[in-house]
Amino acid sequence: MIDSPEVLQILPNHPTLEPLDRLINSLYVREYALYFQALAEIEQLLKKDRYLATHARVYTREMRRKSYAQLLESYRSLSIDYMAEQFGVTREFIDAYPPPQVP
């Protein structure tokens, strides 16, 4: 996706899409602290949109899950403290996050 000509034509040239550009690229290069900062900015933008506001929480949760899964892919055992350090959040933040509810 990051090498797509359509994406490369639009993202770098629009300042309003800069958080999305950082989100995509930071996930690709595995800079999770920057990823979480960009995700927080995008969440705020989504909450301001009347059509997307109802989906902001679900989107944010899924994007967090995606980054957790990506980090866990490369490690057989991983401590919560290491994950918190990599994501730039506290241990309690990661430990307290509830799993998605299955309907």
N, C-alpha and C. Protein backbone atom coordinates (compact mmCIF):
# COMPACT_ATOMS: atom_id res chain seq x y z
N MET A 1 0.82 -1.19 0.00
CA MET A 1 0.00 0.00 0.00
C MET A 1 0.87 1.25 0.00
N ILE A 2 1.95 1.25 0.76
CA ILE A 2 2.74 2.49 0.84
C ILE A 2 3.50 2.78 -0.45
N ASP A 3 3.67 1.78 -1.30
CA ASP A 3 4.35 1.98 -2.58
C ASP A 3 3.37 2.23 -3.73
N SER A 4 2.11 2.24 -3.44
CA SER A 4 1.09 2.46 -4.47
C SER A 4 1.23 3.87 -5.05
N PRO A 5 1.23 4.02 -6.37
CA PRO A 5 1.36 5.34 -6.98
C PRO A 5 0.25 6.31 -6.54
N GLU A 6 -0.96 5.78 -6.36
CA GLU A 6 -2.07 6.63 -5.94
C GLU A 6 -1.83 7.19 -4.53
N VAL A 7 -1.34 6.34 -3.65
CA VAL A 7 -1.05 6.78 -2.28
C VAL A 7 0.10 7.76 -2.27
N LEU A 8 1.15 7.46 -3.01
CA LEU A 8 2.32 8.34 -3.06
C LEU A 8 2.00 9.69 -3.69
N GLN A 9 1.01 9.74 -4.53
CA GLN A 9 0.63 10.99 -5.17
C GLN A 9 -0.19 11.87 -4.22
N ILE A 10 -0.99 11.27 -3.36
CA ILE A 10 -1.91 12.03 -2.52
C ILE A 10 -1.35 12.35 -1.14
N LEU A 11 -0.88 11.36 -0.41
CA LEU A 11 -0.51 11.56 0.99
C LEU A 11 0.55 12.63 1.23
N PRO A 12 1.70 12.61 0.57
CA PRO A 12 2.72 13.61 0.88
C PRO A 12 2.33 15.04 0.50
N ASN A 13 1.34 15.21 -0.36
CA ASN A 13 0.99 16.53 -0.86
C ASN A 13 -0.18 17.19 -0.14
N HIS A 14 -0.76 16.53 0.84
CA HIS A 14 -1.90 17.09 1.56
C HIS A 14 -1.59 17.15 3.05
N PRO A 15 -1.39 18.36 3.60
CA PRO A 15 -1.06 18.50 5.02
C PRO A 15 -2.13 17.93 5.96
N THR A 16 -3.39 17.93 5.52
CA THR A 16 -4.46 17.40 6.39
C THR A 16 -4.37 15.89 6.53
N LEU A 17 -3.71 15.23 5.59
CA LEU A 17 -3.56 13.78 5.65
C LEU A 17 -2.23 13.35 6.28
N GLU A 18 -1.48 14.29 6.81
CA GLU A 18 -0.17 13.99 7.38
C GLU A 18 -0.23 12.95 8.51
N PRO A 19 -1.22 13.01 9.42
CA PRO A 19 -1.30 11.95 10.44
C PRO A 19 -1.51 10.57 9.84
N LEU A 20 -2.28 10.48 8.78
CA LEU A 20 -2.50 9.19 8.11
C LEU A 20 -1.21 8.69 7.47
N ASP A 21 -0.46 9.59 6.87
CA ASP A 21 0.83 9.24 6.29
C ASP A 21 1.78 8.70 7.36
N ARG A 22 1.82 9.38 8.51
CA ARG A 22 2.67 8.91 9.61
C ARG A 22 2.19 7.57 10.16
N LEU A 23 0.87 7.38 10.23
CA LEU A 23 0.32 6.13 10.73
C LEU A 23 0.75 4.96 9.85
N ILE A 24 0.58 5.11 8.57
CA ILE A 24 0.91 4.04 7.63
C ILE A 24 2.40 3.73 7.65
N ASN A 25 3.21 4.77 7.56
CA ASN A 25 4.65 4.56 7.49
C ASN A 25 5.25 4.07 8.81
N SER A 26 4.74 4.55 9.93
CA SER A 26 5.28 4.09 11.21
C SER A 26 4.94 2.63 11.47
N LEU A 27 3.78 2.17 11.02
CA LEU A 27 3.46 0.75 11.15
C LEU A 27 4.37 -0.07 10.25
N TYR A 28 4.62 0.42 9.06
CA TYR A 28 5.47 -0.29 8.11
C TYR A 28 6.90 -0.45 8.63
N VAL A 29 7.44 0.61 9.25
CA VAL A 29 8.83 0.55 9.74
C VAL A 29 8.90 0.14 11.21
N ARG A 30 7.75 -0.20 11.78
CA ARG A 30 7.65 -0.70 13.15
C ARG A 30 8.12 0.30 14.20
N GLU A 31 7.76 1.56 14.02
CA GLU A 31 8.01 2.60 15.02
C GLU A 31 6.69 2.82 15.76
N TYR A 32 6.45 1.98 16.74
CA TYR A 32 5.14 1.91 17.37
C TYR A 32 4.79 3.13 18.21
N ALA A 33 5.76 3.80 18.80
CA ALA A 33 5.46 5.01 19.57
C ALA A 33 4.92 6.10 18.64
N LEU A 34 5.53 6.27 17.48
CA LEU A 34 5.03 7.24 16.50
C LEU A 34 3.68 6.80 15.96
N TYR A 35 3.51 5.50 15.80
CA TYR A 35 2.25 4.95 15.33
C TYR A 35 1.11 5.31 16.27
N PHE A 36 1.33 5.15 17.57
CA PHE A 36 0.28 5.44 18.54
C PHE A 36 -0.03 6.94 18.59
N GLN A 37 0.98 7.78 18.42
CA GLN A 37 0.74 9.22 18.38
C GLN A 37 -0.11 9.59 17.17
N ALA A 38 0.23 9.03 16.02
CA ALA A 38 -0.55 9.29 14.80
C ALA A 38 -1.97 8.74 14.94
N LEU A 39 -2.10 7.57 15.54
CA LEU A 39 -3.42 6.98 15.73
C LEU A 39 -4.29 7.85 16.63
N ALA A 40 -3.71 8.44 17.66
CA ALA A 40 -4.46 9.33 18.55
C ALA A 40 -4.93 10.57 17.78
N GLU A 41 -4.10 11.10 16.91
CA GLU A 41 -4.50 12.25 16.10
C GLU A 41 -5.63 11.88 15.14
N ILE A 42 -5.53 10.73 14.53
CA ILE A 42 -6.57 10.29 13.59
C ILE A 42 -7.88 10.04 14.34
N GLU A 43 -7.78 9.49 15.53
CA GLU A 43 -8.99 9.25 16.32
C GLU A 43 -9.71 10.57 16.59
N GLN A 44 -8.95 11.62 16.92
CA GLN A 44 -9.56 12.92 17.16
C GLN A 44 -10.21 13.48 15.90
N LEU A 45 -9.57 13.28 14.76
CA LEU A 45 -10.15 13.73 13.49
C LEU A 45 -11.44 12.97 13.17
N LEU A 46 -11.44 11.67 13.42
CA LEU A 46 -12.63 10.86 13.16
C LEU A 46 -13.79 11.28 14.05
N LYS A 47 -13.49 11.62 15.30
CA LYS A 47 -14.54 12.02 16.24
C LYS A 47 -15.20 13.34 15.84
N LYS A 48 -14.50 14.16 15.07
CA LYS A 48 -15.06 15.43 14.63
C LYS A 48 -15.95 15.30 13.39
N ASP A 49 -15.85 14.19 12.70
CA ASP A 49 -16.64 13.97 11.49
C ASP A 49 -17.97 13.35 11.86
N ARG A 50 -19.05 13.93 11.38
CA ARG A 50 -20.36 13.44 11.80
C ARG A 50 -20.68 12.05 11.28
N TYR A 51 -20.09 11.65 10.18
CA TYR A 51 -20.34 10.32 9.64
C TYR A 51 -19.40 9.26 10.23
N LEU A 52 -18.19 9.64 10.53
CA LEU A 52 -17.20 8.68 11.01
C LEU A 52 -17.10 8.61 12.53
N ALA A 53 -17.68 9.56 13.23
CA ALA A 53 -17.56 9.62 14.69
C ALA A 53 -18.05 8.34 15.37
N THR A 54 -19.12 7.75 14.85
CA THR A 54 -19.66 6.54 15.48
C THR A 54 -18.74 5.34 15.29
N HIS A 55 -17.83 5.43 14.33
CA HIS A 55 -16.92 4.32 14.04
C HIS A 55 -15.51 4.54 14.58
N ALA A 56 -15.25 5.70 15.19
CA ALA A 56 -13.90 6.05 15.63
C ALA A 56 -13.34 5.04 16.63
N ARG A 57 -14.15 4.64 17.58
CA ARG A 57 -13.68 3.72 18.62
C ARG A 57 -13.33 2.34 18.03
N VAL A 58 -14.16 1.84 17.16
CA VAL A 58 -13.93 0.54 16.53
C VAL A 58 -12.67 0.60 15.68
N TYR A 59 -12.53 1.66 14.89
CA TYR A 59 -11.35 1.81 14.04
C TYR A 59 -10.07 1.86 14.89
N THR A 60 -10.10 2.65 15.95
CA THR A 60 -8.93 2.78 16.81
C THR A 60 -8.60 1.45 17.46
N ARG A 61 -9.59 0.75 17.94
CA ARG A 61 -9.36 -0.55 18.57
C ARG A 61 -8.73 -1.53 17.58
N GLU A 62 -9.25 -1.58 16.37
CA GLU A 62 -8.72 -2.50 15.37
C GLU A 62 -7.30 -2.13 14.95
N MET A 63 -7.01 -0.85 14.87
CA MET A 63 -5.66 -0.42 14.50
C MET A 63 -4.68 -0.72 15.63
N ARG A 64 -5.11 -0.62 16.87
CA ARG A 64 -4.26 -1.02 17.99
C ARG A 64 -4.00 -2.52 17.94
N ARG A 65 -5.06 -3.28 17.69
CA ARG A 65 -4.93 -4.73 17.61
C ARG A 65 -3.95 -5.11 16.50
N LYS A 66 -4.03 -4.44 15.39
CA LYS A 66 -3.15 -4.70 14.26
C LYS A 66 -1.69 -4.48 14.66
N SER A 67 -1.41 -3.40 15.36
CA SER A 67 -0.02 -3.12 15.76
C SER A 67 0.46 -4.11 16.81
N TYR A 68 -0.41 -4.49 17.74
CA TYR A 68 -0.03 -5.50 18.74
C TYR A 68 0.31 -6.82 18.05
N ALA A 69 -0.54 -7.22 17.11
CA ALA A 69 -0.32 -8.48 16.41
C ALA A 69 0.98 -8.45 15.62
N GLN A 70 1.26 -7.31 14.99
CA GLN A 70 2.49 -7.21 14.22
C GLN A 70 3.72 -7.34 15.12
N LEU A 71 3.69 -6.70 16.26
CA LEU A 71 4.82 -6.80 17.19
C LEU A 71 4.96 -8.22 17.72
N LEU A 72 3.85 -8.85 18.04
CA LEU A 72 3.89 -10.19 18.61
C LEU A 72 4.31 -11.26 17.60
N GLU A 73 4.13 -11.00 16.32
CA GLU A 73 4.53 -11.96 15.29
C GLU A 73 6.01 -12.32 15.37
N SER A 74 6.82 -11.35 15.72
CA SER A 74 8.26 -11.56 15.66
C SER A 74 8.87 -12.07 16.98
N TYR A 75 8.05 -12.27 17.98
CA TYR A 75 8.56 -12.71 19.28
C TYR A 75 7.75 -13.90 19.80
N ARG A 76 8.46 -14.86 20.33
CA ARG A 76 7.75 -16.00 20.94
C ARG A 76 7.26 -15.65 22.33
N SER A 77 8.09 -14.96 23.08
CA SER A 77 7.67 -14.47 24.39
C SER A 77 8.04 -13.00 24.49
N LEU A 78 7.13 -12.24 25.03
CA LEU A 78 7.29 -10.80 25.07
C LEU A 78 6.67 -10.29 26.36
N SER A 79 7.38 -9.42 27.06
CA SER A 79 6.84 -8.91 28.32
C SER A 79 5.95 -7.70 28.06
N ILE A 80 5.03 -7.49 28.96
CA ILE A 80 4.14 -6.33 28.86
C ILE A 80 4.95 -5.06 29.00
N ASP A 81 5.98 -5.08 29.84
CA ASP A 81 6.83 -3.89 30.00
C ASP A 81 7.52 -3.53 28.69
N TYR A 82 8.01 -4.54 27.96
CA TYR A 82 8.65 -4.28 26.68
C TYR A 82 7.65 -3.72 25.67
N MET A 83 6.44 -4.29 25.66
CA MET A 83 5.41 -3.78 24.76
C MET A 83 5.08 -2.33 25.09
N ALA A 84 4.93 -2.02 26.37
CA ALA A 84 4.62 -0.64 26.77
C ALA A 84 5.72 0.31 26.33
N GLU A 85 6.96 -0.11 26.47
CA GLU A 85 8.09 0.73 26.04
C GLU A 85 8.05 0.96 24.53
N GLN A 86 7.79 -0.09 23.77
CA GLN A 86 7.76 0.02 22.32
C GLN A 86 6.62 0.89 21.82
N PHE A 87 5.48 0.84 22.50
CA PHE A 87 4.32 1.61 22.08
C PHE A 87 4.28 3.00 22.69
N GLY A 88 5.18 3.28 23.63
CA GLY A 88 5.22 4.60 24.24
C GLY A 88 4.04 4.87 25.16
N VAL A 89 3.55 3.79 25.81
CA VAL A 89 2.44 3.91 26.75
C VAL A 89 2.85 3.24 28.06
N THR A 90 1.99 3.31 29.05
CA THR A 90 2.30 2.68 30.33
C THR A 90 1.92 1.21 30.31
N ARG A 91 2.48 0.48 31.26
CA ARG A 91 2.18 -0.95 31.41
C ARG A 91 0.69 -1.13 31.70
N GLU A 92 0.14 -0.24 32.51
CA GLU A 92 -1.27 -0.32 32.88
C GLU A 92 -2.18 -0.14 31.67
N PHE A 93 -1.76 0.72 30.73
CA PHE A 93 -2.56 0.96 29.53
C PHE A 93 -2.72 -0.33 28.74
N ILE A 94 -1.64 -1.04 28.55
CA ILE A 94 -1.69 -2.29 27.79
C ILE A 94 -2.40 -3.38 28.58
N ASP A 95 -2.10 -3.46 29.85
CA ASP A 95 -2.65 -4.53 30.69
C ASP A 95 -4.15 -4.35 30.91
N ALA A 96 -4.65 -3.12 30.93
CA ALA A 96 -6.06 -2.86 31.23
C ALA A 96 -6.94 -2.89 29.99
N TYR A 97 -6.37 -2.97 28.82
CA TYR A 97 -7.17 -2.93 27.59
C TYR A 97 -8.03 -4.19 27.49
N PRO A 98 -9.35 -4.05 27.46
CA PRO A 98 -10.20 -5.25 27.40
C PRO A 98 -10.18 -5.87 26.01
N PRO A 99 -10.28 -7.17 25.93
CA PRO A 99 -10.35 -7.82 24.62
C PRO A 99 -11.67 -7.49 23.94
N PRO A 100 -11.72 -7.56 22.63
CA PRO A 100 -12.97 -7.28 21.92
C PRO A 100 -14.07 -8.23 22.36
N GLN A 101 -15.30 -7.73 22.43
CA GLN A 101 -16.45 -8.55 22.81
C GLN A 101 -16.96 -9.30 21.60
N VAL A 102 -17.22 -10.56 21.80
CA VAL A 102 -17.76 -11.39 20.72
C VAL A 102 -19.28 -11.42 20.89
N PRO A 103 -20.03 -11.05 19.81
CA PRO A 103 -21.50 -11.02 19.94
C PRO A 103 -22.10 -12.38 20.10
